[in-house]
């Protein structure tokens, strides 16, 4: 098999992971938190933000790349409750058995329900013989501006017509 075919295969697996997870409703267990300190902090209320987005994935060439591995840039345009753009990097690995994985880091710049700033998303996706798993979380302490303190997780949905949407379950500290 030539290296371009294999590299295309790892890209296809990454896209398949994102697509399949978007079409299924998976839930992810949240890590347990350490013991609560004796001084209670006010717990921020969890809110949902949703809307459509466009994504452009651009495969990158690596001089000494392993044909099983791939790398690409991510560019998104968000609409709805989150208005903004993002840029990121993705690494992929794939096999002929419809299995593979991807990891990505994506910096979002925009306005979330009227609050502006930036934050970073961490993606971790895997597919085992066609069965997908996907986790996208806000990197702790990555929020800036009015999004300082943002915490949460994102779900990607892909409609049968190929249109993408997001659901961001998040919390922000109360305004003081």
N, C-alpha and C. Protein backbone atom coordinates (compact mmCIF):
# COMPACT_ATOMS: atom_id res chain seq x y z
N UNK A 1 0.84 -1.17 0.00
CA UNK A 1 0.00 0.00 0.00
C UNK A 1 0.89 1.24 0.00
N UNK A 2 0.60 2.25 -0.78
CA UNK A 2 1.44 3.43 -0.80
C UNK A 2 1.12 4.34 0.39
N UNK A 3 2.08 5.21 0.74
CA UNK A 3 1.94 6.01 1.95
C UNK A 3 0.78 7.01 1.86
N UNK A 4 0.48 7.53 0.68
CA UNK A 4 -0.63 8.48 0.57
C UNK A 4 -1.94 7.78 0.86
N UNK A 5 -2.10 6.53 0.40
CA UNK A 5 -3.33 5.79 0.68
C UNK A 5 -3.47 5.57 2.18
N UNK A 6 -2.37 5.18 2.85
CA UNK A 6 -2.44 4.98 4.29
C UNK A 6 -2.71 6.28 5.03
N UNK A 7 -2.07 7.36 4.60
CA UNK A 7 -2.29 8.65 5.24
C UNK A 7 -3.74 9.07 5.05
N UNK A 8 -4.27 8.86 3.87
CA UNK A 8 -5.68 9.16 3.63
C UNK A 8 -6.55 8.29 4.51
N UNK A 9 -6.12 7.06 4.75
CA UNK A 9 -6.88 6.16 5.61
C UNK A 9 -6.95 6.67 7.03
N UNK A 10 -5.84 7.21 7.58
CA UNK A 10 -5.87 7.73 8.95
C UNK A 10 -6.75 8.98 9.01
N UNK A 11 -6.73 9.80 7.96
CA UNK A 11 -7.60 10.96 7.90
C UNK A 11 -9.05 10.50 7.87
N UNK A 12 -9.34 9.47 7.06
CA UNK A 12 -10.70 8.96 6.95
C UNK A 12 -11.18 8.40 8.28
N UNK A 13 -10.30 7.74 9.02
CA UNK A 13 -10.69 7.22 10.33
C UNK A 13 -11.03 8.36 11.27
N UNK A 14 -10.22 9.44 11.27
CA UNK A 14 -10.51 10.59 12.13
C UNK A 14 -11.87 11.18 11.79
N UNK A 15 -12.14 11.37 10.50
CA UNK A 15 -13.42 11.91 10.07
C UNK A 15 -14.54 10.94 10.46
N UNK A 16 -14.31 9.64 10.32
CA UNK A 16 -15.33 8.65 10.68
C UNK A 16 -15.62 8.67 12.17
N UNK A 17 -14.58 8.84 13.00
CA UNK A 17 -14.79 8.93 14.45
C UNK A 17 -15.68 10.12 14.77
N UNK A 18 -15.34 11.26 14.20
CA UNK A 18 -16.13 12.47 14.45
C UNK A 18 -17.55 12.27 13.94
N UNK A 19 -17.69 11.71 12.74
CA UNK A 19 -19.01 11.52 12.14
C UNK A 19 -19.86 10.55 12.92
N UNK A 20 -19.31 9.39 13.26
CA UNK A 20 -20.08 8.37 13.96
C UNK A 20 -20.47 8.83 15.35
N UNK A 21 -19.57 9.48 16.06
CA UNK A 21 -19.90 9.96 17.39
C UNK A 21 -20.98 11.01 17.28
N UNK A 22 -20.91 11.84 16.27
CA UNK A 22 -21.92 12.86 16.09
C UNK A 22 -23.30 12.28 15.85
N UNK A 23 -23.37 11.09 15.28
CA UNK A 23 -24.66 10.47 14.98
C UNK A 23 -25.17 9.60 16.12
N UNK A 24 -24.34 9.33 17.11
CA UNK A 24 -24.78 8.51 18.23
C UNK A 24 -24.85 9.37 19.47
N UNK A 25 -25.60 8.91 20.45
CA UNK A 25 -25.65 9.67 21.69
C UNK A 25 -24.89 8.89 22.74
N UNK A 26 -23.64 9.31 22.94
CA UNK A 26 -22.79 8.68 23.93
C UNK A 26 -22.70 9.59 25.13
N UNK A 27 -22.59 9.01 26.31
CA UNK A 27 -22.33 9.83 27.49
C UNK A 27 -21.02 9.37 28.08
N UNK A 28 -20.33 10.27 28.69
CA UNK A 28 -19.02 9.98 29.23
C UNK A 28 -19.04 10.18 30.72
N UNK A 29 -18.52 9.21 31.48
CA UNK A 29 -18.47 9.40 32.92
C UNK A 29 -17.54 10.54 33.26
N UNK A 30 -17.92 11.35 34.20
CA UNK A 30 -17.08 12.45 34.64
C UNK A 30 -16.19 11.96 35.77
N UNK A 31 -14.93 12.41 35.79
CA UNK A 31 -14.05 11.99 36.86
C UNK A 31 -14.58 12.47 38.20
N UNK A 32 -14.37 11.65 39.22
CA UNK A 32 -14.84 12.06 40.54
C UNK A 32 -13.94 13.18 41.05
N UNK A 33 -14.53 14.05 41.83
CA UNK A 33 -13.75 15.18 42.33
C UNK A 33 -13.16 14.82 43.69
N UNK A 34 -12.06 15.48 44.04
CA UNK A 34 -11.46 15.21 45.34
C UNK A 34 -12.41 15.64 46.45
N UNK A 35 -12.09 15.25 47.65
CA UNK A 35 -12.92 15.59 48.80
C UNK A 35 -13.19 17.08 48.85
N UNK A 36 -14.40 17.44 49.21
CA UNK A 36 -14.80 18.83 49.26
C UNK A 36 -14.10 19.52 50.44
N UNK A 37 -13.46 20.66 50.21
CA UNK A 37 -12.82 21.37 51.32
C UNK A 37 -13.88 21.88 52.29
N UNK A 38 -13.46 22.20 53.50
CA UNK A 38 -14.41 22.64 54.52
C UNK A 38 -15.07 23.96 54.17
N UNK A 39 -14.40 24.80 53.37
CA UNK A 39 -14.99 26.06 52.93
C UNK A 39 -15.63 25.80 51.57
N UNK A 40 -16.96 25.96 51.49
CA UNK A 40 -17.68 25.69 50.25
C UNK A 40 -17.61 26.91 49.33
N UNK A 41 -17.31 26.68 48.06
CA UNK A 41 -17.37 27.74 47.06
C UNK A 41 -18.73 27.65 46.39
N UNK A 42 -19.19 28.79 45.87
CA UNK A 42 -20.45 28.79 45.12
C UNK A 42 -20.24 28.00 43.83
N UNK A 43 -21.11 27.03 43.58
CA UNK A 43 -21.01 26.22 42.38
C UNK A 43 -21.66 26.96 41.22
N UNK A 44 -20.89 27.20 40.15
CA UNK A 44 -21.48 27.89 39.00
C UNK A 44 -22.58 27.02 38.37
N UNK A 45 -23.59 27.66 37.84
CA UNK A 45 -24.68 26.94 37.20
C UNK A 45 -24.23 26.45 35.82
N UNK A 46 -24.60 25.22 35.49
CA UNK A 46 -24.28 24.67 34.18
C UNK A 46 -25.27 25.19 33.15
N UNK A 47 -24.76 25.61 32.01
CA UNK A 47 -25.56 26.18 30.93
C UNK A 47 -25.22 25.45 29.64
N UNK A 48 -26.15 25.43 28.70
CA UNK A 48 -25.90 24.84 27.39
C UNK A 48 -25.87 25.94 26.34
N UNK A 49 -24.93 25.81 25.43
CA UNK A 49 -24.85 26.69 24.26
C UNK A 49 -24.86 25.76 23.05
N UNK A 50 -25.54 26.16 22.00
CA UNK A 50 -25.59 25.30 20.82
C UNK A 50 -25.70 26.15 19.56
N UNK A 51 -25.42 25.49 18.45
CA UNK A 51 -25.52 26.15 17.16
C UNK A 51 -24.76 25.38 16.11
N UNK A 52 -24.84 25.83 14.89
CA UNK A 52 -24.12 25.17 13.79
C UNK A 52 -22.67 25.66 13.70
N UNK A 53 -21.86 24.90 13.01
CA UNK A 53 -20.51 25.36 12.69
C UNK A 53 -20.04 24.73 11.40
N UNK A 54 -19.10 25.42 10.75
CA UNK A 54 -18.45 24.89 9.56
C UNK A 54 -17.03 24.52 9.97
N UNK A 55 -16.52 23.45 9.37
CA UNK A 55 -15.16 23.02 9.69
C UNK A 55 -14.40 22.74 8.41
N UNK A 56 -13.13 23.11 8.42
CA UNK A 56 -12.23 22.82 7.31
C UNK A 56 -11.02 22.10 7.89
N UNK A 57 -10.79 20.86 7.45
CA UNK A 57 -9.63 20.07 7.85
C UNK A 57 -8.67 20.03 6.66
N UNK A 58 -7.42 20.40 6.91
CA UNK A 58 -6.43 20.44 5.83
C UNK A 58 -5.28 19.49 6.20
N UNK A 59 -5.14 18.35 5.46
CA UNK A 59 -4.02 17.44 5.72
C UNK A 59 -2.69 18.16 5.52
N UNK A 60 -1.73 17.87 6.40
CA UNK A 60 -0.40 18.45 6.35
C UNK A 60 0.60 17.38 5.93
N UNK A 61 1.64 17.77 5.21
CA UNK A 61 2.67 16.83 4.79
C UNK A 61 3.79 16.83 5.83
N UNK A 62 4.23 15.63 6.18
CA UNK A 62 5.38 15.46 7.07
C UNK A 62 6.47 14.78 6.26
N UNK A 63 7.69 15.30 6.31
CA UNK A 63 8.78 14.75 5.49
C UNK A 63 9.06 13.28 5.79
N UNK A 64 9.15 12.93 7.04
CA UNK A 64 9.49 11.56 7.41
C UNK A 64 8.31 10.86 8.08
N UNK A 65 7.12 11.12 7.59
CA UNK A 65 5.93 10.61 8.24
C UNK A 65 5.76 9.10 8.07
N UNK A 66 5.27 8.50 9.11
CA UNK A 66 4.85 7.10 9.08
C UNK A 66 3.52 7.09 8.33
N UNK A 67 3.32 6.20 7.36
CA UNK A 67 2.09 6.22 6.57
C UNK A 67 0.82 5.95 7.37
N UNK A 68 0.91 5.40 8.56
CA UNK A 68 -0.27 5.14 9.39
C UNK A 68 -0.72 6.41 10.10
N UNK A 69 0.21 7.37 10.23
CA UNK A 69 -0.07 8.58 10.99
C UNK A 69 -0.41 9.74 10.07
N UNK A 70 -1.25 10.63 10.55
CA UNK A 70 -1.60 11.82 9.79
C UNK A 70 -1.62 13.04 10.69
N UNK A 71 -1.54 14.21 10.08
CA UNK A 71 -1.59 15.48 10.80
C UNK A 71 -2.37 16.45 9.94
N UNK A 72 -3.21 17.27 10.57
CA UNK A 72 -3.97 18.26 9.81
C UNK A 72 -4.27 19.48 10.66
N UNK A 73 -4.58 20.57 9.98
CA UNK A 73 -5.02 21.78 10.67
C UNK A 73 -6.54 21.79 10.70
N UNK A 74 -7.06 22.48 11.69
CA UNK A 74 -8.51 22.62 11.88
C UNK A 74 -8.83 24.11 11.84
N UNK A 75 -9.84 24.48 11.09
CA UNK A 75 -10.36 25.84 11.09
C UNK A 75 -11.88 25.74 11.16
N UNK A 76 -12.48 26.41 12.15
CA UNK A 76 -13.94 26.37 12.32
C UNK A 76 -14.50 27.77 12.41
N UNK A 77 -15.77 27.86 12.02
CA UNK A 77 -16.56 29.08 12.17
C UNK A 77 -17.82 28.68 12.95
N UNK A 78 -17.97 29.20 14.18
CA UNK A 78 -19.12 28.86 15.04
C UNK A 78 -20.21 29.91 14.91
N UNK A 79 -21.44 29.47 15.02
CA UNK A 79 -22.61 30.34 14.99
C UNK A 79 -23.54 29.94 16.13
N UNK A 80 -24.53 30.77 16.40
CA UNK A 80 -25.49 30.45 17.46
C UNK A 80 -25.06 31.09 18.77
N UNK A 81 -25.16 30.33 19.85
CA UNK A 81 -24.81 30.85 21.17
C UNK A 81 -23.32 31.17 21.28
N UNK A 82 -22.51 30.51 20.48
CA UNK A 82 -21.08 30.78 20.40
C UNK A 82 -20.81 31.33 19.00
N UNK A 83 -20.41 32.59 18.95
CA UNK A 83 -20.07 33.23 17.67
C UNK A 83 -18.58 33.45 17.65
N UNK A 84 -17.89 32.78 16.74
CA UNK A 84 -16.45 32.96 16.69
C UNK A 84 -15.77 31.99 15.74
N UNK A 85 -14.46 31.94 15.89
CA UNK A 85 -13.65 31.08 15.03
C UNK A 85 -12.71 30.25 15.91
N UNK A 86 -12.15 29.22 15.29
CA UNK A 86 -11.12 28.45 16.00
C UNK A 86 -10.07 27.99 15.01
N UNK A 87 -8.88 27.76 15.56
CA UNK A 87 -7.78 27.17 14.81
C UNK A 87 -7.20 26.07 15.68
N UNK A 88 -6.70 25.02 15.03
CA UNK A 88 -6.15 23.93 15.82
C UNK A 88 -5.31 22.99 15.00
N UNK A 89 -4.79 21.99 15.69
CA UNK A 89 -3.97 20.93 15.09
C UNK A 89 -4.52 19.58 15.51
N UNK A 90 -4.51 18.63 14.58
CA UNK A 90 -5.02 17.28 14.83
C UNK A 90 -3.97 16.26 14.41
N UNK A 91 -3.80 15.23 15.23
CA UNK A 91 -2.97 14.08 14.89
C UNK A 91 -3.88 12.88 14.79
N UNK A 92 -3.65 12.03 13.78
CA UNK A 92 -4.51 10.88 13.55
C UNK A 92 -3.69 9.61 13.35
N UNK A 93 -4.33 8.48 13.60
CA UNK A 93 -3.77 7.17 13.29
C UNK A 93 -4.93 6.29 12.86
N UNK A 94 -4.71 5.45 11.85
CA UNK A 94 -5.80 4.63 11.37
C UNK A 94 -5.33 3.27 10.90
N UNK A 95 -6.29 2.35 10.82
CA UNK A 95 -6.01 1.01 10.34
C UNK A 95 -7.07 0.61 9.32
N UNK A 96 -6.82 -0.47 8.63
CA UNK A 96 -7.75 -0.97 7.62
C UNK A 96 -8.97 -1.62 8.27
N UNK A 97 -8.95 -1.85 9.57
CA UNK A 97 -10.05 -2.52 10.27
C UNK A 97 -11.09 -1.55 10.81
N UNK A 98 -11.18 -0.35 10.23
CA UNK A 98 -12.11 0.69 10.71
C UNK A 98 -11.83 1.06 12.16
N UNK A 99 -10.57 1.03 12.53
CA UNK A 99 -10.14 1.44 13.87
C UNK A 99 -9.14 2.57 13.73
N UNK A 100 -9.05 3.39 14.74
CA UNK A 100 -8.10 4.48 14.71
C UNK A 100 -8.35 5.43 15.85
N UNK A 101 -7.61 6.53 15.82
CA UNK A 101 -7.74 7.51 16.89
C UNK A 101 -7.31 8.88 16.38
N UNK A 102 -7.77 9.91 17.11
CA UNK A 102 -7.26 11.25 16.86
C UNK A 102 -7.21 12.01 18.16
N UNK A 103 -6.28 12.95 18.23
CA UNK A 103 -6.21 13.92 19.31
C UNK A 103 -6.08 15.29 18.65
N UNK A 104 -6.61 16.30 19.30
CA UNK A 104 -6.53 17.65 18.73
C UNK A 104 -6.58 18.68 19.84
N UNK A 105 -5.98 19.80 19.57
CA UNK A 105 -6.07 20.99 20.42
C UNK A 105 -6.55 22.12 19.53
N UNK A 106 -7.55 22.86 20.02
CA UNK A 106 -8.22 23.88 19.21
C UNK A 106 -8.44 25.13 20.06
N UNK A 107 -7.97 26.28 19.60
CA UNK A 107 -8.18 27.55 20.32
C UNK A 107 -9.37 28.28 19.70
N UNK A 108 -10.36 28.58 20.54
CA UNK A 108 -11.58 29.25 20.11
C UNK A 108 -11.50 30.72 20.53
N UNK A 109 -11.83 31.61 19.62
CA UNK A 109 -11.89 33.05 19.88
C UNK A 109 -13.28 33.53 19.51
N UNK A 110 -13.98 34.16 20.46
CA UNK A 110 -15.32 34.62 20.11
C UNK A 110 -16.10 35.11 21.30
N UNK A 111 -17.43 35.05 21.12
CA UNK A 111 -18.38 35.50 22.13
C UNK A 111 -19.33 34.35 22.46
N UNK A 112 -19.40 34.02 23.74
CA UNK A 112 -20.27 32.95 24.24
C UNK A 112 -21.39 33.60 25.03
N UNK A 113 -22.56 33.63 24.45
CA UNK A 113 -23.74 34.27 25.08
C UNK A 113 -23.40 35.66 25.63
N UNK A 114 -22.75 36.46 24.78
CA UNK A 114 -22.46 37.85 25.13
C UNK A 114 -21.16 38.08 25.88
N UNK A 115 -20.45 37.01 26.24
CA UNK A 115 -19.18 37.16 26.97
C UNK A 115 -18.04 36.82 26.01
N UNK A 116 -17.10 37.76 25.83
CA UNK A 116 -16.04 37.55 24.84
C UNK A 116 -14.74 37.11 25.48
N UNK A 117 -13.95 36.39 24.69
CA UNK A 117 -12.64 35.92 25.13
C UNK A 117 -12.21 34.74 24.30
N UNK A 118 -11.26 33.99 24.83
CA UNK A 118 -10.78 32.79 24.16
C UNK A 118 -10.80 31.63 25.14
N UNK A 119 -10.75 30.41 24.60
CA UNK A 119 -10.58 29.21 25.41
C UNK A 119 -10.07 28.11 24.49
N UNK A 120 -9.57 27.04 25.10
CA UNK A 120 -8.97 25.95 24.34
C UNK A 120 -9.78 24.68 24.57
N UNK A 121 -10.00 23.92 23.47
CA UNK A 121 -10.67 22.63 23.54
C UNK A 121 -9.67 21.52 23.30
N UNK A 122 -9.80 20.44 24.06
CA UNK A 122 -8.98 19.25 23.89
C UNK A 122 -9.88 18.13 23.39
N UNK A 123 -9.52 17.53 22.25
CA UNK A 123 -10.27 16.42 21.66
C UNK A 123 -9.51 15.11 21.87
N UNK A 124 -10.24 14.05 22.13
CA UNK A 124 -9.67 12.70 22.17
C UNK A 124 -10.73 11.76 21.62
N UNK A 125 -10.45 11.18 20.45
CA UNK A 125 -11.42 10.30 19.81
C UNK A 125 -10.79 8.98 19.43
N UNK A 126 -11.57 7.92 19.51
CA UNK A 126 -11.10 6.60 19.11
C UNK A 126 -12.24 5.84 18.46
N UNK A 127 -11.89 4.95 17.56
CA UNK A 127 -12.87 4.07 16.95
C UNK A 127 -12.29 2.66 16.97
N UNK A 128 -13.05 1.74 17.54
CA UNK A 128 -12.64 0.34 17.58
C UNK A 128 -13.57 -0.43 16.65
N UNK A 129 -13.06 -0.81 15.48
CA UNK A 129 -13.82 -1.55 14.47
C UNK A 129 -15.21 -0.95 14.24
N UNK A 130 -15.23 0.36 14.10
CA UNK A 130 -16.47 1.06 13.78
C UNK A 130 -17.24 1.60 14.97
N UNK A 131 -16.84 1.27 16.19
CA UNK A 131 -17.52 1.78 17.39
C UNK A 131 -16.75 2.99 17.92
N UNK A 132 -17.38 4.18 17.88
CA UNK A 132 -16.66 5.41 18.23
C UNK A 132 -16.78 5.80 19.70
N UNK A 133 -15.79 6.56 20.15
CA UNK A 133 -15.79 7.25 21.44
C UNK A 133 -15.20 8.63 21.18
N UNK A 134 -15.78 9.65 21.79
CA UNK A 134 -15.26 10.99 21.61
C UNK A 134 -15.43 11.79 22.88
N UNK A 135 -14.39 12.51 23.26
CA UNK A 135 -14.43 13.40 24.41
C UNK A 135 -13.82 14.73 23.99
N UNK A 136 -14.56 15.81 24.19
CA UNK A 136 -14.05 17.15 23.90
C UNK A 136 -14.30 17.97 25.17
N UNK A 137 -13.23 18.47 25.77
CA UNK A 137 -13.36 19.22 27.02
C UNK A 137 -12.66 20.58 26.90
N UNK A 138 -13.14 21.53 27.69
CA UNK A 138 -12.47 22.82 27.80
C UNK A 138 -11.23 22.60 28.67
N UNK A 139 -10.08 23.01 28.17
CA UNK A 139 -8.83 22.87 28.93
C UNK A 139 -8.94 23.76 30.18
N UNK A 140 -8.71 23.19 31.37
CA UNK A 140 -8.82 23.97 32.60
C UNK A 140 -7.96 25.23 32.55
N UNK A 141 -8.51 26.32 33.05
CA UNK A 141 -7.83 27.61 33.15
C UNK A 141 -7.38 28.19 31.81
N UNK A 142 -8.00 27.75 30.70
CA UNK A 142 -7.62 28.29 29.39
C UNK A 142 -8.46 29.50 28.99
N UNK A 143 -9.54 29.79 29.70
CA UNK A 143 -10.39 30.91 29.36
C UNK A 143 -9.71 32.25 29.62
N UNK A 144 -9.94 33.21 28.72
CA UNK A 144 -9.41 34.56 28.89
C UNK A 144 -10.54 35.57 28.78
N UNK A 145 -10.25 36.81 29.14
CA UNK A 145 -11.25 37.87 29.04
C UNK A 145 -12.46 37.54 29.89
N UNK A 146 -13.64 37.73 29.34
CA UNK A 146 -14.89 37.45 30.06
C UNK A 146 -15.18 35.95 30.14
N UNK A 147 -14.32 35.13 29.54
CA UNK A 147 -14.48 33.68 29.62
C UNK A 147 -13.50 33.04 30.61
N UNK A 148 -12.84 33.86 31.41
CA UNK A 148 -11.95 33.34 32.45
C UNK A 148 -12.76 32.47 33.41
N UNK A 149 -12.25 31.29 33.69
CA UNK A 149 -12.93 30.36 34.59
C UNK A 149 -13.88 29.40 33.88
N UNK A 150 -13.97 29.50 32.54
CA UNK A 150 -14.85 28.61 31.78
C UNK A 150 -14.45 27.16 31.99
N UNK A 151 -15.43 26.30 32.20
CA UNK A 151 -15.22 24.86 32.30
C UNK A 151 -16.35 24.18 31.54
N UNK A 152 -16.10 23.01 30.97
CA UNK A 152 -17.19 22.32 30.29
C UNK A 152 -16.73 21.26 29.32
N UNK A 153 -17.72 20.74 28.60
CA UNK A 153 -17.47 19.72 27.59
C UNK A 153 -18.37 19.99 26.39
N UNK A 154 -17.90 19.56 25.23
CA UNK A 154 -18.63 19.80 23.98
C UNK A 154 -18.99 18.48 23.33
N UNK A 155 -20.15 18.48 22.70
CA UNK A 155 -20.60 17.36 21.88
C UNK A 155 -20.73 17.87 20.45
N UNK A 156 -20.27 17.07 19.49
CA UNK A 156 -20.42 17.41 18.08
C UNK A 156 -21.51 16.51 17.49
N UNK A 157 -22.41 17.11 16.73
CA UNK A 157 -23.46 16.37 16.04
C UNK A 157 -23.30 16.60 14.54
N UNK A 158 -23.45 15.54 13.77
CA UNK A 158 -23.38 15.66 12.32
C UNK A 158 -24.66 15.06 11.75
N UNK A 159 -25.42 15.90 11.07
CA UNK A 159 -26.70 15.49 10.48
C UNK A 159 -26.43 14.61 9.26
N UNK A 160 -27.43 13.82 8.86
CA UNK A 160 -27.27 12.98 7.66
C UNK A 160 -26.85 13.78 6.41
N UNK A 161 -27.21 15.07 6.36
CA UNK A 161 -26.82 15.88 5.21
C UNK A 161 -25.40 16.43 5.34
N UNK A 162 -24.69 16.06 6.44
CA UNK A 162 -23.30 16.47 6.62
C UNK A 162 -23.10 17.77 7.38
N UNK A 163 -24.19 18.46 7.74
CA UNK A 163 -24.06 19.72 8.48
C UNK A 163 -23.69 19.44 9.93
N UNK A 164 -22.76 20.26 10.45
CA UNK A 164 -22.25 20.09 11.81
C UNK A 164 -22.94 21.06 12.77
N UNK A 165 -23.11 20.60 14.02
CA UNK A 165 -23.55 21.47 15.10
C UNK A 165 -22.85 21.05 16.38
N UNK A 166 -22.88 21.93 17.36
CA UNK A 166 -22.23 21.67 18.64
C UNK A 166 -23.22 21.86 19.77
N UNK A 167 -22.96 21.24 20.88
CA UNK A 167 -23.65 21.50 22.13
C UNK A 167 -22.55 21.63 23.17
N UNK A 168 -22.44 22.79 23.78
CA UNK A 168 -21.43 23.05 24.79
C UNK A 168 -22.12 23.14 26.13
N UNK A 169 -21.83 22.18 27.01
CA UNK A 169 -22.32 22.22 28.38
C UNK A 169 -21.22 22.88 29.20
N UNK A 170 -21.50 24.03 29.80
CA UNK A 170 -20.42 24.78 30.43
C UNK A 170 -20.87 25.48 31.71
N UNK A 171 -19.88 25.93 32.45
CA UNK A 171 -20.13 26.78 33.61
C UNK A 171 -19.09 27.90 33.59
N UNK A 172 -19.51 29.03 34.11
CA UNK A 172 -18.65 30.22 34.25
C UNK A 172 -18.87 30.78 35.64
N UNK A 173 -17.84 31.35 36.25
CA UNK A 173 -18.04 31.98 37.56
C UNK A 173 -19.07 33.10 37.43
N UNK A 174 -19.79 33.33 38.50
CA UNK A 174 -20.79 34.41 38.53
C UNK A 174 -20.10 35.75 38.41
N UNK A 175 -20.79 36.72 37.78
CA UNK A 175 -20.26 38.09 37.73
C UNK A 175 -20.30 38.65 39.14
N UNK A 176 -19.29 39.39 39.48
CA UNK A 176 -19.22 39.96 40.84
C UNK A 176 -19.59 41.42 40.79
